[in-house]
Amino acid sequence: MRKVRTLRGTITVDGGGKAEKQLILNDQLINRGLKVTGFFVWPQIVSAFQSAQFNAILSYARLGNADVEMDGGDNSQIGWAFQANTAEAAPTLAASFSGYFNQLIDPDHIINRDLYISMRNASTRTYNYMVVCELLDLTDSEAIITIVKENSQSLL
C-alpha cells in the first residue's frame, strides 16, 4: 500500500516579490525518503479584479535572497509551479490565463533531507501551497545516491 503524506500551508510574499519557507527539516533518517507527486500553489484570495502572478520553486536547498529563477539545470530544484495573469490584460489573454497555473515535477528525485518552497517574481499577497508526497524506504546505496544528487554532483 502506498503511503501518502501531504504538506500544506501558506507563504506570504511581502515586498520585493520573494519569500521562502522550509517545509521539511533534516531528521537524520537517511533511509527514509519522500517522492513529490504533486505541487500546487494558489493565491489565498482570488478576485477577478486583482492580478496574481508567481513563480514557485521546490528545492533541496535555500535559495536565499538571490535572484534565482526557475532553473531546470539546477539539480537542487525539483518542482516548479507558476501563474502569469493580470487583471489589465486583453480579454483573450486574461481568459486564457485566468485561474490557470502550471506545475512541473522532476520524476527522478527523492527527498531525504531538507525541502524548501521559494516564491519569486510574485505579487504581494499570501499564497496557499500543497505538496503531495509518497513515503519511501531506501537502502543505504539509494540514500547515498540521493544525497549526492541533492548536492548537485554528477553521478557519472
N, C-alpha and C. Protein backbone atom coordinates (compact mmCIF):
# COMPACT_ATOMS: atom_id res chain seq x y z
N MET A 1 0.83 -1.18 0.00
CA MET A 1 0.00 0.00 0.00
C MET A 1 0.88 1.25 0.00
N ARG A 2 0.52 2.20 -0.81
CA ARG A 2 1.24 3.45 -0.93
C ARG A 2 0.98 4.34 0.28
N LYS A 3 2.04 4.88 0.86
CA LYS A 3 1.90 5.81 1.99
C LYS A 3 2.04 7.22 1.45
N VAL A 4 0.98 8.01 1.60
CA VAL A 4 0.97 9.38 1.08
C VAL A 4 1.04 10.36 2.23
N ARG A 5 1.83 11.39 2.07
CA ARG A 5 1.94 12.47 3.03
C ARG A 5 1.67 13.78 2.29
N THR A 6 0.96 14.68 2.96
CA THR A 6 0.65 15.98 2.37
C THR A 6 1.19 17.09 3.25
N LEU A 7 1.91 18.01 2.65
CA LEU A 7 2.41 19.19 3.33
C LEU A 7 1.58 20.37 2.82
N ARG A 8 0.89 21.07 3.72
CA ARG A 8 0.06 22.20 3.32
C ARG A 8 0.33 23.39 4.22
N GLY A 9 0.10 24.56 3.69
CA GLY A 9 0.27 25.75 4.50
C GLY A 9 0.17 26.99 3.65
N THR A 10 0.68 28.09 4.20
CA THR A 10 0.68 29.35 3.48
C THR A 10 2.08 29.95 3.51
N ILE A 11 2.33 30.77 2.52
CA ILE A 11 3.58 31.53 2.44
C ILE A 11 3.21 32.93 2.00
N THR A 12 3.73 33.92 2.71
CA THR A 12 3.38 35.31 2.43
C THR A 12 4.53 36.03 1.74
N VAL A 13 4.19 36.66 0.63
CA VAL A 13 5.15 37.48 -0.11
C VAL A 13 4.84 38.93 0.25
N ASP A 14 5.79 39.59 0.90
CA ASP A 14 5.62 41.00 1.25
C ASP A 14 6.17 41.83 0.10
N GLY A 15 7.10 42.68 0.35
CA GLY A 15 7.68 43.48 -0.72
C GLY A 15 8.78 42.72 -1.44
N GLY A 16 9.08 43.11 -2.64
CA GLY A 16 10.20 42.53 -3.37
C GLY A 16 9.89 41.27 -4.14
N GLY A 17 8.70 40.72 -4.03
CA GLY A 17 8.30 39.56 -4.81
C GLY A 17 8.95 38.25 -4.43
N LYS A 18 9.59 38.18 -3.21
CA LYS A 18 10.29 36.96 -2.81
C LYS A 18 9.83 36.50 -1.43
N ALA A 19 9.84 35.19 -1.25
CA ALA A 19 9.58 34.60 0.06
C ALA A 19 10.15 33.19 0.04
N GLU A 20 10.43 32.65 1.22
CA GLU A 20 10.98 31.30 1.31
C GLU A 20 10.55 30.67 2.63
N LYS A 21 10.31 29.36 2.59
CA LYS A 21 9.88 28.65 3.79
C LYS A 21 10.44 27.23 3.75
N GLN A 22 10.96 26.78 4.88
CA GLN A 22 11.45 25.40 4.98
C GLN A 22 10.27 24.50 5.32
N LEU A 23 10.05 23.47 4.50
CA LEU A 23 8.92 22.57 4.69
C LEU A 23 9.31 21.31 5.44
N ILE A 24 10.51 20.80 5.18
CA ILE A 24 10.99 19.57 5.83
C ILE A 24 12.37 19.86 6.37
N LEU A 25 12.58 19.46 7.61
CA LEU A 25 13.87 19.63 8.26
C LEU A 25 14.58 18.28 8.30
N ASN A 26 15.86 18.27 8.02
CA ASN A 26 16.66 17.05 8.03
C ASN A 26 16.51 16.35 9.39
N ASP A 27 15.97 15.12 9.37
CA ASP A 27 15.77 14.37 10.62
C ASP A 27 16.83 13.30 10.83
N GLN A 28 17.87 13.29 9.98
CA GLN A 28 18.99 12.33 10.07
C GLN A 28 18.58 10.89 9.76
N LEU A 29 17.36 10.65 9.30
CA LEU A 29 16.92 9.31 8.91
C LEU A 29 17.09 9.18 7.40
N ILE A 30 18.31 8.90 6.97
CA ILE A 30 18.59 8.91 5.53
C ILE A 30 17.95 7.75 4.78
N ASN A 31 17.50 6.72 5.48
CA ASN A 31 16.87 5.58 4.81
C ASN A 31 15.36 5.77 4.63
N ARG A 32 14.89 6.96 4.91
CA ARG A 32 13.51 7.31 4.67
C ARG A 32 13.48 8.44 3.67
N GLY A 33 12.64 8.32 2.66
CA GLY A 33 12.60 9.36 1.65
C GLY A 33 11.18 9.71 1.26
N LEU A 34 11.05 10.83 0.58
CA LEU A 34 9.77 11.27 0.05
C LEU A 34 9.93 11.56 -1.43
N LYS A 35 8.96 11.17 -2.20
CA LYS A 35 8.93 11.49 -3.62
C LYS A 35 7.73 12.41 -3.84
N VAL A 36 7.98 13.61 -4.34
CA VAL A 36 6.90 14.56 -4.60
C VAL A 36 6.12 14.10 -5.82
N THR A 37 4.80 13.97 -5.65
CA THR A 37 3.93 13.57 -6.76
C THR A 37 2.98 14.68 -7.18
N GLY A 38 2.88 15.73 -6.36
CA GLY A 38 2.04 16.87 -6.69
C GLY A 38 2.53 18.12 -6.00
N PHE A 39 2.49 19.25 -6.71
CA PHE A 39 2.93 20.53 -6.16
C PHE A 39 1.96 21.59 -6.66
N PHE A 40 1.22 22.19 -5.74
CA PHE A 40 0.16 23.13 -6.10
C PHE A 40 0.32 24.42 -5.29
N VAL A 41 0.19 25.54 -5.96
CA VAL A 41 0.26 26.86 -5.32
C VAL A 41 -0.86 27.70 -5.90
N TRP A 42 -1.56 28.44 -5.02
CA TRP A 42 -2.63 29.31 -5.49
C TRP A 42 -2.81 30.46 -4.50
N PRO A 43 -3.30 31.61 -4.97
CA PRO A 43 -3.49 32.75 -4.07
C PRO A 43 -4.54 32.43 -3.01
N GLN A 44 -4.35 32.99 -1.81
CA GLN A 44 -5.31 32.75 -0.73
C GLN A 44 -6.65 33.43 -1.03
N ILE A 45 -6.58 34.58 -1.67
CA ILE A 45 -7.80 35.28 -2.08
C ILE A 45 -7.76 35.42 -3.59
N VAL A 46 -8.81 34.97 -4.25
CA VAL A 46 -8.89 35.05 -5.70
C VAL A 46 -9.99 36.04 -6.06
N SER A 47 -9.64 37.01 -6.88
CA SER A 47 -10.60 38.03 -7.28
C SER A 47 -10.39 38.35 -8.75
N ALA A 48 -11.47 38.60 -9.44
CA ALA A 48 -11.39 38.94 -10.86
C ALA A 48 -10.75 40.31 -11.07
N PHE A 49 -10.66 41.09 -9.99
CA PHE A 49 -10.15 42.45 -10.13
C PHE A 49 -8.73 42.62 -9.61
N GLN A 50 -8.11 41.55 -9.17
CA GLN A 50 -6.73 41.63 -8.68
C GLN A 50 -5.84 40.74 -9.54
N SER A 51 -4.67 41.26 -9.86
CA SER A 51 -3.73 40.43 -10.60
C SER A 51 -2.96 39.55 -9.62
N ALA A 52 -2.59 38.39 -10.07
CA ALA A 52 -1.77 37.49 -9.25
C ALA A 52 -0.84 36.74 -10.18
N GLN A 53 0.42 36.85 -9.90
CA GLN A 53 1.40 36.09 -10.67
C GLN A 53 2.46 35.60 -9.71
N PHE A 54 3.06 34.46 -10.03
CA PHE A 54 4.11 33.93 -9.16
C PHE A 54 4.91 32.87 -9.90
N ASN A 55 6.13 32.67 -9.42
CA ASN A 55 6.97 31.53 -9.75
C ASN A 55 7.29 30.87 -8.42
N ALA A 56 6.90 29.62 -8.26
CA ALA A 56 7.16 28.89 -7.01
C ALA A 56 8.14 27.76 -7.32
N ILE A 57 9.12 27.57 -6.43
CA ILE A 57 10.18 26.58 -6.66
C ILE A 57 10.28 25.69 -5.44
N LEU A 58 10.26 24.37 -5.65
CA LEU A 58 10.59 23.40 -4.60
C LEU A 58 12.05 23.04 -4.77
N SER A 59 12.80 23.07 -3.68
CA SER A 59 14.22 22.78 -3.81
C SER A 59 14.77 22.11 -2.56
N TYR A 60 15.90 21.44 -2.74
CA TYR A 60 16.62 20.81 -1.63
C TYR A 60 17.34 21.83 -0.76
N ALA A 61 17.63 23.00 -1.34
CA ALA A 61 18.47 23.99 -0.66
C ALA A 61 17.78 25.35 -0.64
N ARG A 62 18.17 26.17 0.32
CA ARG A 62 17.66 27.54 0.39
C ARG A 62 18.14 28.31 -0.84
N LEU A 63 17.24 29.10 -1.39
CA LEU A 63 17.63 29.98 -2.48
C LEU A 63 18.06 31.33 -1.93
N GLY A 64 17.64 31.62 -0.71
CA GLY A 64 18.02 32.87 -0.07
C GLY A 64 17.41 34.06 -0.78
N ASN A 65 18.08 35.17 -0.70
CA ASN A 65 17.57 36.41 -1.29
C ASN A 65 18.10 36.63 -2.70
N ALA A 66 18.80 35.67 -3.24
CA ALA A 66 19.37 35.82 -4.58
C ALA A 66 18.26 35.86 -5.63
N ASP A 67 18.61 36.40 -6.78
CA ASP A 67 17.66 36.48 -7.89
C ASP A 67 17.66 35.17 -8.68
N VAL A 68 17.38 34.08 -7.99
CA VAL A 68 17.35 32.76 -8.61
C VAL A 68 15.99 32.57 -9.28
N GLU A 69 16.01 32.08 -10.48
CA GLU A 69 14.78 31.82 -11.23
C GLU A 69 14.53 30.32 -11.31
N MET A 70 13.41 29.95 -11.91
CA MET A 70 13.13 28.54 -12.13
C MET A 70 14.18 28.03 -13.12
N ASP A 71 14.97 27.05 -12.70
CA ASP A 71 16.11 26.62 -13.49
C ASP A 71 16.15 25.09 -13.56
N GLY A 72 15.74 24.53 -14.68
CA GLY A 72 15.74 23.09 -14.87
C GLY A 72 17.13 22.48 -14.85
N GLY A 73 18.16 23.29 -15.01
CA GLY A 73 19.54 22.81 -14.97
C GLY A 73 20.13 22.77 -13.57
N ASP A 74 19.40 23.28 -12.58
CA ASP A 74 19.86 23.30 -11.20
C ASP A 74 19.33 22.05 -10.49
N ASN A 75 20.22 21.11 -10.16
CA ASN A 75 19.79 19.85 -9.55
C ASN A 75 19.15 20.02 -8.18
N SER A 76 19.33 21.16 -7.55
CA SER A 76 18.70 21.36 -6.24
C SER A 76 17.22 21.71 -6.38
N GLN A 77 16.80 22.13 -7.57
CA GLN A 77 15.39 22.44 -7.81
C GLN A 77 14.69 21.20 -8.35
N ILE A 78 13.56 20.83 -7.71
CA ILE A 78 12.87 19.61 -8.13
C ILE A 78 11.42 19.82 -8.56
N GLY A 79 10.87 21.00 -8.29
CA GLY A 79 9.48 21.25 -8.68
C GLY A 79 9.27 22.73 -8.94
N TRP A 80 8.35 23.00 -9.87
CA TRP A 80 8.07 24.38 -10.24
C TRP A 80 6.57 24.53 -10.46
N ALA A 81 6.03 25.63 -10.00
CA ALA A 81 4.63 25.98 -10.28
C ALA A 81 4.63 27.46 -10.61
N PHE A 82 3.80 27.86 -11.56
CA PHE A 82 3.77 29.26 -11.92
C PHE A 82 2.41 29.67 -12.44
N GLN A 83 2.14 30.94 -12.28
CA GLN A 83 0.91 31.53 -12.81
C GLN A 83 1.27 32.90 -13.33
N ALA A 84 0.80 33.21 -14.52
CA ALA A 84 1.04 34.53 -15.10
C ALA A 84 -0.28 35.04 -15.63
N ASN A 85 -0.89 35.90 -14.85
CA ASN A 85 -2.12 36.53 -15.33
C ASN A 85 -2.18 37.94 -14.81
N THR A 86 -3.03 38.73 -15.40
CA THR A 86 -3.16 40.10 -14.97
C THR A 86 -4.58 40.58 -15.23
N ALA A 87 -5.09 41.37 -14.34
CA ALA A 87 -6.44 41.91 -14.49
C ALA A 87 -6.49 42.93 -15.62
N GLU A 88 -5.35 43.52 -15.97
CA GLU A 88 -5.33 44.56 -17.00
C GLU A 88 -5.10 44.00 -18.41
N ALA A 89 -4.91 42.71 -18.54
CA ALA A 89 -4.60 42.12 -19.85
C ALA A 89 -5.80 42.18 -20.78
N ALA A 90 -5.50 42.03 -22.05
CA ALA A 90 -6.58 41.96 -23.03
C ALA A 90 -7.50 40.80 -22.68
N PRO A 91 -8.80 40.90 -22.99
CA PRO A 91 -9.75 39.85 -22.60
C PRO A 91 -9.35 38.45 -23.03
N THR A 92 -8.76 38.29 -24.22
CA THR A 92 -8.39 36.95 -24.66
C THR A 92 -7.25 36.40 -23.82
N LEU A 93 -6.28 37.26 -23.46
CA LEU A 93 -5.17 36.82 -22.63
C LEU A 93 -5.66 36.48 -21.23
N ALA A 94 -6.48 37.36 -20.66
CA ALA A 94 -7.00 37.11 -19.31
C ALA A 94 -7.81 35.82 -19.28
N ALA A 95 -8.60 35.58 -20.30
CA ALA A 95 -9.42 34.37 -20.33
C ALA A 95 -8.55 33.13 -20.46
N SER A 96 -7.44 33.23 -21.18
CA SER A 96 -6.60 32.06 -21.38
C SER A 96 -5.76 31.74 -20.15
N PHE A 97 -5.44 32.74 -19.32
CA PHE A 97 -4.59 32.50 -18.16
C PHE A 97 -5.34 32.55 -16.83
N SER A 98 -6.46 33.21 -16.78
CA SER A 98 -7.14 33.44 -15.51
C SER A 98 -7.45 32.14 -14.79
N GLY A 99 -6.94 32.01 -13.55
CA GLY A 99 -7.19 30.83 -12.74
C GLY A 99 -6.40 29.62 -13.18
N TYR A 100 -5.47 29.77 -14.08
CA TYR A 100 -4.72 28.64 -14.62
C TYR A 100 -3.27 28.73 -14.19
N PHE A 101 -2.73 27.62 -13.74
CA PHE A 101 -1.31 27.59 -13.41
C PHE A 101 -0.73 26.29 -13.91
N ASN A 102 0.57 26.25 -13.99
CA ASN A 102 1.28 25.07 -14.45
C ASN A 102 2.13 24.52 -13.32
N GLN A 103 2.27 23.21 -13.28
CA GLN A 103 3.17 22.59 -12.32
C GLN A 103 4.05 21.59 -13.06
N LEU A 104 5.29 21.55 -12.65
CA LEU A 104 6.25 20.61 -13.21
C LEU A 104 6.99 19.97 -12.04
N ILE A 105 7.18 18.66 -12.09
CA ILE A 105 7.89 17.95 -11.03
C ILE A 105 8.90 17.02 -11.67
N ASP A 106 10.15 17.08 -11.21
CA ASP A 106 11.18 16.16 -11.68
C ASP A 106 10.80 14.76 -11.19
N PRO A 107 10.55 13.81 -12.09
CA PRO A 107 10.12 12.48 -11.66
C PRO A 107 11.26 11.63 -11.08
N ASP A 108 12.50 12.09 -11.25
CA ASP A 108 13.66 11.32 -10.80
C ASP A 108 14.33 12.00 -9.61
N HIS A 109 13.62 12.05 -8.50
CA HIS A 109 14.18 12.68 -7.30
C HIS A 109 13.63 11.96 -6.06
N ILE A 110 14.36 12.04 -4.99
CA ILE A 110 13.90 11.56 -3.68
C ILE A 110 14.43 12.54 -2.65
N ILE A 111 13.56 12.97 -1.76
CA ILE A 111 13.95 13.89 -0.69
C ILE A 111 14.22 13.06 0.55
N ASN A 112 15.40 13.18 1.11
CA ASN A 112 15.63 12.52 2.41
C ASN A 112 16.31 13.45 3.40
N ARG A 113 16.35 14.73 3.05
CA ARG A 113 16.87 15.72 3.99
C ARG A 113 15.94 16.94 3.97
N ASP A 114 16.38 18.08 3.51
CA ASP A 114 15.60 19.32 3.58
C ASP A 114 14.78 19.55 2.32
N LEU A 115 13.67 20.30 2.49
CA LEU A 115 12.84 20.72 1.36
C LEU A 115 12.37 22.15 1.63
N TYR A 116 12.49 23.00 0.62
CA TYR A 116 12.10 24.41 0.73
C TYR A 116 11.13 24.77 -0.38
N ILE A 117 10.24 25.72 -0.08
CA ILE A 117 9.43 26.35 -1.13
C ILE A 117 9.88 27.81 -1.19
N SER A 118 10.13 28.29 -2.39
CA SER A 118 10.55 29.67 -2.60
C SER A 118 9.64 30.31 -3.63
N MET A 119 9.28 31.54 -3.38
CA MET A 119 8.47 32.32 -4.30
C MET A 119 9.36 33.38 -4.93
N ARG A 120 9.23 33.55 -6.23
CA ARG A 120 9.99 34.56 -6.96
C ARG A 120 9.04 35.28 -7.91
N ASN A 121 9.32 36.56 -8.16
CA ASN A 121 8.51 37.39 -9.07
C ASN A 121 7.03 37.26 -8.74
N ALA A 122 6.72 37.27 -7.46
CA ALA A 122 5.34 37.04 -7.02
C ALA A 122 4.66 38.34 -6.62
N SER A 123 3.37 38.41 -6.89
CA SER A 123 2.56 39.54 -6.43
C SER A 123 2.53 39.51 -4.90
N THR A 124 2.46 40.70 -4.30
CA THR A 124 2.41 40.81 -2.84
C THR A 124 1.07 40.30 -2.33
N ARG A 125 1.10 39.16 -1.63
CA ARG A 125 -0.09 38.55 -1.06
C ARG A 125 0.29 37.26 -0.37
N THR A 126 -0.69 36.58 0.19
CA THR A 126 -0.47 35.28 0.81
C THR A 126 -0.92 34.20 -0.16
N TYR A 127 -0.11 33.15 -0.26
CA TYR A 127 -0.39 32.03 -1.16
C TYR A 127 -0.55 30.76 -0.34
N ASN A 128 -1.42 29.88 -0.80
CA ASN A 128 -1.54 28.53 -0.26
C ASN A 128 -0.61 27.62 -1.04
N TYR A 129 -0.15 26.56 -0.39
CA TYR A 129 0.59 25.54 -1.12
C TYR A 129 0.18 24.17 -0.60
N MET A 130 0.31 23.18 -1.46
CA MET A 130 0.09 21.80 -1.08
C MET A 130 1.12 20.96 -1.84
N VAL A 131 1.90 20.19 -1.09
CA VAL A 131 2.89 19.30 -1.67
C VAL A 131 2.48 17.88 -1.30
N VAL A 132 2.20 17.06 -2.30
CA VAL A 132 1.78 15.68 -2.08
C VAL A 132 3.00 14.79 -2.30
N CYS A 133 3.28 13.93 -1.31
CA CYS A 133 4.48 13.09 -1.35
C CYS A 133 4.13 11.63 -1.08
N GLU A 134 4.95 10.76 -1.64
CA GLU A 134 4.87 9.32 -1.36
C GLU A 134 6.05 8.96 -0.46
N LEU A 135 5.77 8.29 0.64
CA LEU A 135 6.81 7.88 1.58
C LEU A 135 7.52 6.64 1.06
N LEU A 136 8.86 6.66 1.07
CA LEU A 136 9.66 5.55 0.54
C LEU A 136 10.66 5.06 1.58
N ASP A 137 10.96 3.78 1.57
CA ASP A 137 12.06 3.22 2.35
C ASP A 137 13.24 3.04 1.39
N LEU A 138 14.43 3.50 1.82
CA LEU A 138 15.61 3.48 0.96
C LEU A 138 16.67 2.54 1.51
N THR A 139 17.37 1.88 0.60
CA THR A 139 18.54 1.11 1.01
C THR A 139 19.67 2.10 1.28
N ASP A 140 20.75 1.66 1.88
CA ASP A 140 21.90 2.54 2.13
C ASP A 140 22.44 3.11 0.81
N SER A 141 22.53 2.27 -0.21
CA SER A 141 23.04 2.73 -1.52
C SER A 141 22.13 3.79 -2.13
N GLU A 142 20.82 3.57 -2.08
CA GLU A 142 19.88 4.55 -2.61
C GLU A 142 19.97 5.87 -1.85
N ALA A 143 20.13 5.80 -0.53
CA ALA A 143 20.25 7.01 0.29
C ALA A 143 21.48 7.81 -0.10
N ILE A 144 22.60 7.13 -0.31
CA ILE A 144 23.85 7.81 -0.68
C ILE A 144 23.70 8.49 -2.05
N ILE A 145 23.11 7.79 -3.00
CA ILE A 145 22.91 8.36 -4.34
C ILE A 145 22.01 9.59 -4.25
N THR A 146 20.98 9.52 -3.44
CA THR A 146 20.06 10.64 -3.27
C THR A 146 20.79 11.86 -2.69
N ILE A 147 21.64 11.65 -1.70
CA ILE A 147 22.39 12.75 -1.09
C ILE A 147 23.35 13.37 -2.10
N VAL A 148 23.99 12.55 -2.92
CA VAL A 148 24.89 13.06 -3.95
C VAL A 148 24.10 13.93 -4.94
N LYS A 149 22.92 13.47 -5.36
CA LYS A 149 22.10 14.24 -6.29
C LYS A 149 21.61 15.54 -5.65
N GLU A 150 21.28 15.50 -4.37
CA GLU A 150 20.84 16.70 -3.68
C GLU A 150 21.91 17.79 -3.71
N ASN A 151 23.15 17.38 -3.66
CA ASN A 151 24.25 18.33 -3.63
C ASN A 151 24.71 18.72 -5.03
N SER A 152 23.88 18.41 -6.03
CA SER A 152 24.14 18.78 -7.43
C SER A 152 25.44 18.21 -7.97
N GLN A 153 25.81 17.06 -7.50
CA GLN A 153 27.02 16.41 -8.01
C GLN A 153 26.62 15.40 -9.07
N SER A 154 27.45 15.22 -10.04
CA SER A 154 27.19 14.29 -11.12
C SER A 154 27.36 12.86 -10.63
N LEU A 155 26.53 11.96 -11.15
CA LEU A 155 26.63 10.55 -10.81
C LEU A 155 27.49 9.80 -11.80
N LEU A 156 28.01 10.50 -12.83
CA LEU A 156 28.84 9.86 -13.85
C LEU A 156 30.29 9.89 -13.49
